[in-house]
N, C-alpha and C. Protein backbone atom coordinates (compact mmCIF):
# COMPACT_ATOMS: atom_id res chain seq x y z
N MET A 1 -109.48 178.81 92.90
CA MET A 1 -108.30 178.32 92.22
C MET A 1 -108.60 176.98 91.56
N ALA A 2 -108.15 176.82 90.35
CA ALA A 2 -108.38 175.59 89.62
C ALA A 2 -107.25 174.61 89.87
N THR A 3 -107.59 173.34 89.75
CA THR A 3 -106.58 172.29 89.87
C THR A 3 -106.32 171.75 88.48
N GLY A 4 -105.06 171.64 88.11
CA GLY A 4 -104.68 171.21 86.77
C GLY A 4 -104.60 169.71 86.60
N GLY A 5 -105.25 168.92 87.44
CA GLY A 5 -105.22 167.48 87.30
C GLY A 5 -104.02 166.83 87.98
N THR A 6 -103.11 167.63 88.52
CA THR A 6 -101.93 167.08 89.19
C THR A 6 -102.08 167.11 90.70
N GLY A 7 -103.18 167.67 91.19
CA GLY A 7 -103.37 167.78 92.62
C GLY A 7 -102.85 169.09 93.18
N PHE A 8 -102.23 169.91 92.34
CA PHE A 8 -101.74 171.22 92.76
C PHE A 8 -102.73 172.29 92.34
N ASP A 9 -102.99 173.21 93.23
CA ASP A 9 -103.86 174.34 92.90
C ASP A 9 -103.08 175.35 92.08
N ASP A 10 -103.76 175.96 91.12
CA ASP A 10 -103.13 177.03 90.35
C ASP A 10 -102.94 178.23 91.28
N PRO A 11 -101.78 178.89 91.16
CA PRO A 11 -101.55 180.06 92.03
C PRO A 11 -102.43 181.22 91.60
N PRO A 12 -102.67 182.14 92.52
CA PRO A 12 -103.46 183.33 92.18
C PRO A 12 -102.74 184.17 91.11
N ALA A 13 -103.52 184.94 90.39
CA ALA A 13 -102.99 185.78 89.31
C ALA A 13 -101.91 186.73 89.81
N GLU A 14 -102.08 187.26 91.03
CA GLU A 14 -101.07 188.20 91.57
C GLU A 14 -99.73 187.50 91.76
N VAL A 15 -99.76 186.26 92.20
CA VAL A 15 -98.52 185.51 92.42
C VAL A 15 -97.85 185.24 91.08
N LEU A 16 -98.64 184.85 90.09
CA LEU A 16 -98.08 184.61 88.75
C LEU A 16 -97.48 185.88 88.17
N ALA A 17 -98.14 187.01 88.38
CA ALA A 17 -97.63 188.28 87.87
C ALA A 17 -96.32 188.65 88.56
N GLU A 18 -96.24 188.42 89.86
CA GLU A 18 -95.01 188.71 90.60
C GLU A 18 -93.87 187.80 90.14
N ALA A 19 -94.18 186.52 89.94
CA ALA A 19 -93.16 185.58 89.46
C ALA A 19 -92.69 185.96 88.06
N ALA A 20 -93.62 186.35 87.20
CA ALA A 20 -93.25 186.75 85.84
C ALA A 20 -92.36 187.98 85.87
N ALA A 21 -92.64 188.91 86.77
CA ALA A 21 -91.80 190.11 86.88
C ALA A 21 -90.39 189.74 87.34
N ALA A 22 -90.30 188.83 88.31
CA ALA A 22 -88.98 188.40 88.80
C ALA A 22 -88.22 187.68 87.70
N PHE A 23 -88.90 186.76 86.99
CA PHE A 23 -88.23 186.06 85.89
C PHE A 23 -87.87 187.04 84.78
N GLY A 24 -88.70 188.05 84.57
CA GLY A 24 -88.40 189.07 83.55
C GLY A 24 -87.11 189.80 83.88
N LEU A 25 -86.91 190.13 85.15
CA LEU A 25 -85.67 190.78 85.56
C LEU A 25 -84.48 189.85 85.37
N LEU A 26 -84.67 188.58 85.63
CA LEU A 26 -83.58 187.61 85.49
C LEU A 26 -83.38 187.17 84.04
N ALA A 27 -84.25 187.64 83.14
CA ALA A 27 -84.09 187.30 81.72
C ALA A 27 -82.93 188.06 81.09
N SER A 28 -82.42 189.06 81.76
CA SER A 28 -81.23 189.78 81.31
C SER A 28 -80.01 188.98 81.75
N SER A 29 -79.15 188.64 80.80
CA SER A 29 -77.97 187.85 81.18
C SER A 29 -77.07 188.63 82.14
N ALA A 30 -77.04 189.94 82.02
CA ALA A 30 -76.21 190.75 82.93
C ALA A 30 -76.76 190.66 84.36
N ARG A 31 -78.07 190.82 84.51
CA ARG A 31 -78.67 190.74 85.86
C ARG A 31 -78.57 189.33 86.41
N LEU A 32 -78.75 188.33 85.56
CA LEU A 32 -78.62 186.95 86.02
C LEU A 32 -77.20 186.68 86.49
N HIS A 33 -76.22 187.22 85.76
CA HIS A 33 -74.82 187.05 86.17
C HIS A 33 -74.57 187.73 87.52
N ILE A 34 -75.16 188.88 87.71
CA ILE A 34 -75.01 189.60 88.99
C ILE A 34 -75.61 188.78 90.13
N VAL A 35 -76.82 188.26 89.93
CA VAL A 35 -77.44 187.45 90.98
C VAL A 35 -76.62 186.19 91.21
N TRP A 36 -76.11 185.58 90.13
CA TRP A 36 -75.25 184.39 90.27
C TRP A 36 -74.03 184.73 91.14
N ALA A 37 -73.40 185.84 90.82
CA ALA A 37 -72.21 186.25 91.58
C ALA A 37 -72.56 186.51 93.05
N LEU A 38 -73.68 187.19 93.28
CA LEU A 38 -74.08 187.49 94.66
C LEU A 38 -74.53 186.23 95.40
N ALA A 39 -74.96 185.22 94.68
CA ALA A 39 -75.32 183.95 95.31
C ALA A 39 -74.08 183.27 95.87
N GLN A 40 -72.91 183.62 95.32
CA GLN A 40 -71.65 183.05 95.80
C GLN A 40 -71.12 183.83 97.00
N GLY A 41 -71.58 185.06 97.16
CA GLY A 41 -71.14 185.88 98.29
C GLY A 41 -71.38 187.35 98.01
N GLU A 42 -71.46 188.12 99.05
CA GLU A 42 -71.77 189.54 98.91
C GLU A 42 -70.61 190.29 98.25
N SER A 43 -70.96 191.47 97.68
CA SER A 43 -69.96 192.26 96.98
C SER A 43 -70.44 193.69 96.84
N ASP A 44 -69.50 194.60 96.64
CA ASP A 44 -69.87 195.97 96.31
C ASP A 44 -69.97 196.08 94.79
N VAL A 45 -70.43 197.23 94.33
CA VAL A 45 -70.67 197.41 92.89
C VAL A 45 -69.37 197.32 92.08
N THR A 46 -68.27 197.79 92.65
CA THR A 46 -66.99 197.73 91.93
C THR A 46 -66.55 196.29 91.73
N GLY A 47 -66.65 195.48 92.77
CA GLY A 47 -66.29 194.07 92.67
C GLY A 47 -67.19 193.33 91.69
N LEU A 48 -68.48 193.66 91.71
CA LEU A 48 -69.41 193.02 90.78
C LEU A 48 -69.10 193.41 89.34
N ALA A 49 -68.81 194.69 89.12
CA ALA A 49 -68.50 195.15 87.76
C ALA A 49 -67.27 194.43 87.22
N GLU A 50 -66.27 194.26 88.07
CA GLU A 50 -65.07 193.53 87.65
C GLU A 50 -65.39 192.07 87.36
N ARG A 51 -66.20 191.47 88.21
CA ARG A 51 -66.50 190.04 88.04
C ARG A 51 -67.36 189.76 86.81
N VAL A 52 -68.38 190.58 86.59
CA VAL A 52 -69.30 190.30 85.48
C VAL A 52 -68.87 190.99 84.19
N GLY A 53 -67.84 191.81 84.27
CA GLY A 53 -67.32 192.46 83.07
C GLY A 53 -68.21 193.57 82.55
N GLY A 54 -68.90 194.24 83.44
CA GLY A 54 -69.78 195.33 83.02
C GLY A 54 -69.23 196.67 83.46
N ALA A 55 -69.73 197.71 82.82
CA ALA A 55 -69.37 199.07 83.22
C ALA A 55 -70.04 199.37 84.56
N LEU A 56 -69.34 200.11 85.39
CA LEU A 56 -69.82 200.43 86.73
C LEU A 56 -71.23 201.03 86.71
N PRO A 57 -71.53 202.05 85.87
CA PRO A 57 -72.89 202.61 85.88
C PRO A 57 -73.96 201.59 85.47
N ALA A 58 -73.64 200.72 84.53
CA ALA A 58 -74.61 199.72 84.08
C ALA A 58 -74.90 198.71 85.19
N VAL A 59 -73.84 198.25 85.86
CA VAL A 59 -74.02 197.30 86.96
C VAL A 59 -74.81 197.95 88.08
N SER A 60 -74.53 199.21 88.35
CA SER A 60 -75.26 199.93 89.38
C SER A 60 -76.75 200.02 89.04
N GLN A 61 -77.07 200.28 87.77
CA GLN A 61 -78.48 200.34 87.36
C GLN A 61 -79.15 198.96 87.49
N HIS A 62 -78.44 197.92 87.11
CA HIS A 62 -78.99 196.57 87.26
C HIS A 62 -79.27 196.27 88.73
N LEU A 63 -78.33 196.63 89.59
CA LEU A 63 -78.51 196.40 91.03
C LEU A 63 -79.71 197.16 91.57
N THR A 64 -79.91 198.38 91.10
CA THR A 64 -81.05 199.17 91.54
C THR A 64 -82.35 198.46 91.18
N LYS A 65 -82.44 197.94 89.96
CA LYS A 65 -83.65 197.23 89.54
C LYS A 65 -83.86 195.97 90.35
N LEU A 66 -82.78 195.21 90.56
CA LEU A 66 -82.88 193.98 91.35
C LEU A 66 -83.27 194.28 92.79
N LYS A 67 -82.77 195.39 93.30
CA LYS A 67 -83.07 195.79 94.67
C LYS A 67 -84.53 196.21 94.80
N LEU A 68 -85.01 197.00 93.83
CA LEU A 68 -86.41 197.44 93.86
C LEU A 68 -87.37 196.25 93.76
N ALA A 69 -86.96 195.22 93.04
CA ALA A 69 -87.80 194.03 92.90
C ALA A 69 -87.70 193.10 94.11
N GLY A 70 -86.78 193.42 95.02
CA GLY A 70 -86.63 192.59 96.21
C GLY A 70 -85.81 191.34 96.00
N LEU A 71 -85.07 191.28 94.88
CA LEU A 71 -84.24 190.10 94.61
C LEU A 71 -82.88 190.21 95.27
N VAL A 72 -82.40 191.43 95.50
CA VAL A 72 -81.15 191.63 96.24
C VAL A 72 -81.39 192.72 97.29
N ARG A 73 -80.52 192.74 98.26
CA ARG A 73 -80.54 193.78 99.28
C ARG A 73 -79.16 194.37 99.40
N ALA A 74 -79.07 195.48 100.12
CA ALA A 74 -77.77 196.12 100.32
C ALA A 74 -77.69 196.64 101.75
N ARG A 75 -76.46 196.74 102.21
CA ARG A 75 -76.21 197.37 103.50
C ARG A 75 -75.01 198.28 103.33
N ARG A 76 -74.97 199.30 104.13
CA ARG A 76 -73.89 200.28 104.04
C ARG A 76 -72.74 199.84 104.91
N GLU A 77 -71.54 199.89 104.33
CA GLU A 77 -70.29 199.68 105.08
C GLU A 77 -69.43 200.90 104.81
N GLY A 78 -69.45 201.83 105.72
CA GLY A 78 -68.71 203.08 105.49
C GLY A 78 -69.31 203.83 104.32
N ARG A 79 -68.48 204.08 103.31
CA ARG A 79 -68.94 204.83 102.14
C ARG A 79 -69.46 203.95 101.01
N ARG A 80 -69.40 202.65 101.18
CA ARG A 80 -69.82 201.77 100.09
C ARG A 80 -71.04 200.94 100.47
N GLN A 81 -71.77 200.55 99.44
CA GLN A 81 -72.91 199.65 99.60
C GLN A 81 -72.44 198.23 99.29
N VAL A 82 -72.80 197.31 100.14
CA VAL A 82 -72.49 195.91 99.91
C VAL A 82 -73.80 195.20 99.59
N TYR A 83 -73.82 194.53 98.44
CA TYR A 83 -75.03 193.86 97.95
C TYR A 83 -74.97 192.37 98.24
N PHE A 84 -76.15 191.79 98.45
CA PHE A 84 -76.26 190.36 98.72
C PHE A 84 -77.66 189.89 98.36
N VAL A 85 -77.79 188.59 98.12
CA VAL A 85 -79.10 187.98 97.91
C VAL A 85 -79.55 187.48 99.26
N ASP A 86 -80.67 188.00 99.70
CA ASP A 86 -81.16 187.65 101.04
C ASP A 86 -82.22 186.57 101.00
N ASP A 87 -82.57 186.10 99.81
CA ASP A 87 -83.64 185.13 99.66
C ASP A 87 -83.05 183.81 99.17
N ALA A 88 -83.00 182.84 100.05
CA ALA A 88 -82.41 181.54 99.71
C ALA A 88 -83.13 180.88 98.54
N ASP A 89 -84.43 181.14 98.39
CA ASP A 89 -85.19 180.54 97.29
C ASP A 89 -84.75 181.10 95.94
N VAL A 90 -84.44 182.39 95.89
CA VAL A 90 -83.93 182.99 94.65
C VAL A 90 -82.59 182.36 94.29
N VAL A 91 -81.74 182.20 95.28
CA VAL A 91 -80.43 181.56 95.07
C VAL A 91 -80.64 180.14 94.53
N THR A 92 -81.56 179.40 95.13
CA THR A 92 -81.83 178.03 94.71
C THR A 92 -82.29 177.98 93.26
N VAL A 93 -83.22 178.84 92.89
CA VAL A 93 -83.74 178.85 91.52
C VAL A 93 -82.63 179.19 90.53
N VAL A 94 -81.85 180.21 90.82
CA VAL A 94 -80.79 180.63 89.90
C VAL A 94 -79.73 179.52 89.79
N ARG A 95 -79.31 178.98 90.91
CA ARG A 95 -78.30 177.91 90.87
C ARG A 95 -78.82 176.68 90.13
N LEU A 96 -80.08 176.34 90.35
CA LEU A 96 -80.66 175.18 89.68
C LEU A 96 -80.70 175.38 88.17
N MET A 97 -81.21 176.53 87.74
CA MET A 97 -81.34 176.78 86.30
C MET A 97 -79.97 176.87 85.63
N VAL A 98 -79.08 177.67 86.18
CA VAL A 98 -77.76 177.83 85.58
C VAL A 98 -76.98 176.51 85.64
N GLY A 99 -77.11 175.79 86.75
CA GLY A 99 -76.43 174.50 86.88
C GLY A 99 -76.93 173.49 85.86
N GLN A 100 -78.25 173.42 85.68
CA GLN A 100 -78.82 172.49 84.70
C GLN A 100 -78.35 172.83 83.29
N LEU A 101 -78.38 174.10 82.95
CA LEU A 101 -77.96 174.51 81.61
C LEU A 101 -76.46 174.30 81.40
N SER A 102 -75.67 174.50 82.45
CA SER A 102 -74.23 174.23 82.35
C SER A 102 -73.98 172.75 82.12
N ASP A 103 -74.69 171.90 82.87
CA ASP A 103 -74.54 170.45 82.68
C ASP A 103 -74.95 170.04 81.27
N ARG A 104 -76.04 170.61 80.78
CA ARG A 104 -76.51 170.29 79.43
C ARG A 104 -75.48 170.72 78.39
N ALA A 105 -74.90 171.90 78.58
CA ALA A 105 -73.88 172.39 77.64
C ALA A 105 -72.65 171.49 77.68
N ASP A 106 -72.24 171.05 78.88
CA ASP A 106 -71.09 170.14 79.01
C ASP A 106 -71.36 168.83 78.29
N ARG A 107 -72.56 168.27 78.48
CA ARG A 107 -72.90 167.01 77.80
C ARG A 107 -72.91 167.20 76.30
N SER A 108 -73.43 168.33 75.85
CA SER A 108 -73.49 168.61 74.41
C SER A 108 -72.08 168.77 73.84
N ASP A 109 -71.20 169.46 74.59
CA ASP A 109 -69.81 169.62 74.14
C ASP A 109 -69.10 168.28 74.04
N ARG A 110 -69.32 167.42 75.04
CA ARG A 110 -68.70 166.09 75.00
C ARG A 110 -69.22 165.29 73.82
N ALA A 111 -70.52 165.37 73.56
CA ALA A 111 -71.10 164.64 72.44
C ALA A 111 -70.57 165.19 71.12
N ASP A 112 -70.45 166.51 71.01
CA ASP A 112 -69.90 167.12 69.79
C ASP A 112 -68.46 166.68 69.56
N ARG A 113 -67.66 166.67 70.62
CA ARG A 113 -66.26 166.23 70.48
C ARG A 113 -66.20 164.77 70.05
N SER A 114 -67.09 163.95 70.59
CA SER A 114 -67.12 162.54 70.23
C SER A 114 -67.50 162.36 68.76
N VAL A 115 -68.48 163.11 68.30
CA VAL A 115 -68.90 163.03 66.89
C VAL A 115 -67.77 163.49 65.98
N ARG A 116 -67.11 164.60 66.36
CA ARG A 116 -66.00 165.10 65.53
C ARG A 116 -64.86 164.08 65.48
N ALA A 117 -64.57 163.46 66.61
CA ALA A 117 -63.50 162.46 66.64
C ALA A 117 -63.87 161.26 65.78
N ASP A 118 -65.12 160.85 65.83
CA ASP A 118 -65.59 159.72 65.03
C ASP A 118 -65.49 160.05 63.54
N ARG A 119 -65.90 161.28 63.17
CA ARG A 119 -65.81 161.70 61.77
C ARG A 119 -64.37 161.75 61.31
N ALA A 120 -63.49 162.27 62.15
CA ALA A 120 -62.06 162.36 61.79
C ALA A 120 -61.49 160.96 61.62
N ASP A 121 -61.89 160.03 62.47
CA ASP A 121 -61.41 158.66 62.38
C ASP A 121 -61.89 158.02 61.08
N ARG A 122 -63.16 158.21 60.75
CA ARG A 122 -63.68 157.66 59.49
C ARG A 122 -63.01 158.30 58.29
N SER A 123 -62.75 159.62 58.38
CA SER A 123 -62.08 160.32 57.29
C SER A 123 -60.67 159.80 57.09
N ASP A 124 -59.96 159.55 58.21
CA ASP A 124 -58.61 159.00 58.12
C ASP A 124 -58.63 157.62 57.47
N ARG A 125 -59.60 156.80 57.87
CA ARG A 125 -59.71 155.45 57.28
C ARG A 125 -60.05 155.54 55.80
N ALA A 126 -60.91 156.48 55.42
CA ALA A 126 -61.29 156.64 54.02
C ALA A 126 -60.10 157.11 53.19
N ALA A 127 -59.27 157.95 53.77
CA ALA A 127 -58.09 158.44 53.04
C ALA A 127 -57.09 157.32 52.81
N GLU A 128 -57.02 156.36 53.74
CA GLU A 128 -56.11 155.24 53.59
C GLU A 128 -56.67 154.17 52.65
N ALA A 129 -57.96 154.08 52.53
CA ALA A 129 -58.61 153.00 51.78
C ALA A 129 -58.21 152.94 50.32
N PRO A 130 -58.12 154.04 49.57
CA PRO A 130 -57.76 153.91 48.14
C PRO A 130 -56.40 153.27 47.95
N GLY A 131 -55.45 153.56 48.80
CA GLY A 131 -54.12 152.94 48.69
C GLY A 131 -54.19 151.45 48.88
N ARG A 132 -54.99 151.04 49.84
CA ARG A 132 -55.14 149.61 50.08
C ARG A 132 -55.81 148.92 48.90
N ARG A 133 -56.80 149.59 48.34
CA ARG A 133 -57.48 148.99 47.19
C ARG A 133 -56.55 148.89 46.00
N LEU A 134 -55.75 149.92 45.78
CA LEU A 134 -54.82 149.89 44.64
C LEU A 134 -53.78 148.81 44.83
N ARG A 135 -53.26 148.68 46.05
CA ARG A 135 -52.27 147.63 46.30
C ARG A 135 -52.89 146.24 46.07
N GLY A 136 -54.16 146.13 46.40
CA GLY A 136 -54.83 144.86 46.22
C GLY A 136 -55.04 144.52 44.75
N LEU A 137 -55.03 145.56 43.90
CA LEU A 137 -55.24 145.33 42.47
C LEU A 137 -53.92 145.17 41.73
N GLY A 138 -52.85 145.13 42.42
CA GLY A 138 -51.54 144.96 41.79
C GLY A 138 -50.95 146.26 41.28
N ALA A 139 -51.47 147.36 41.74
CA ALA A 139 -50.97 148.66 41.28
C ALA A 139 -49.73 149.06 42.01
């Protein structure tokens, strides 16, 4: 294993391939939303479909893929399957990434609102300015 100058060893190729596969599954916004929802608490496929706004068969297919990859697990309760994320590290990664992006979007929205307010204020002042100039000229 090579060291990249930071003191950390590069992970083996198999580990990188496994991580890429997991991130590839989470690259789907629908699957990411499902994992996000399951990170908040377990649910059956019907509850997940309602929460994420997906069709029941599509959510079921996403869950199957996530389950095969080991990102979610299920247990039977009577006639229904209840899904959950059993890996705290997956929950941490998803919450961290989504949380960071949400914070960034909030900051960007606040900055955009501030810029729009500043432009509107300057526009209002510019609209008033010609009247002031004309009054100053004796008009």
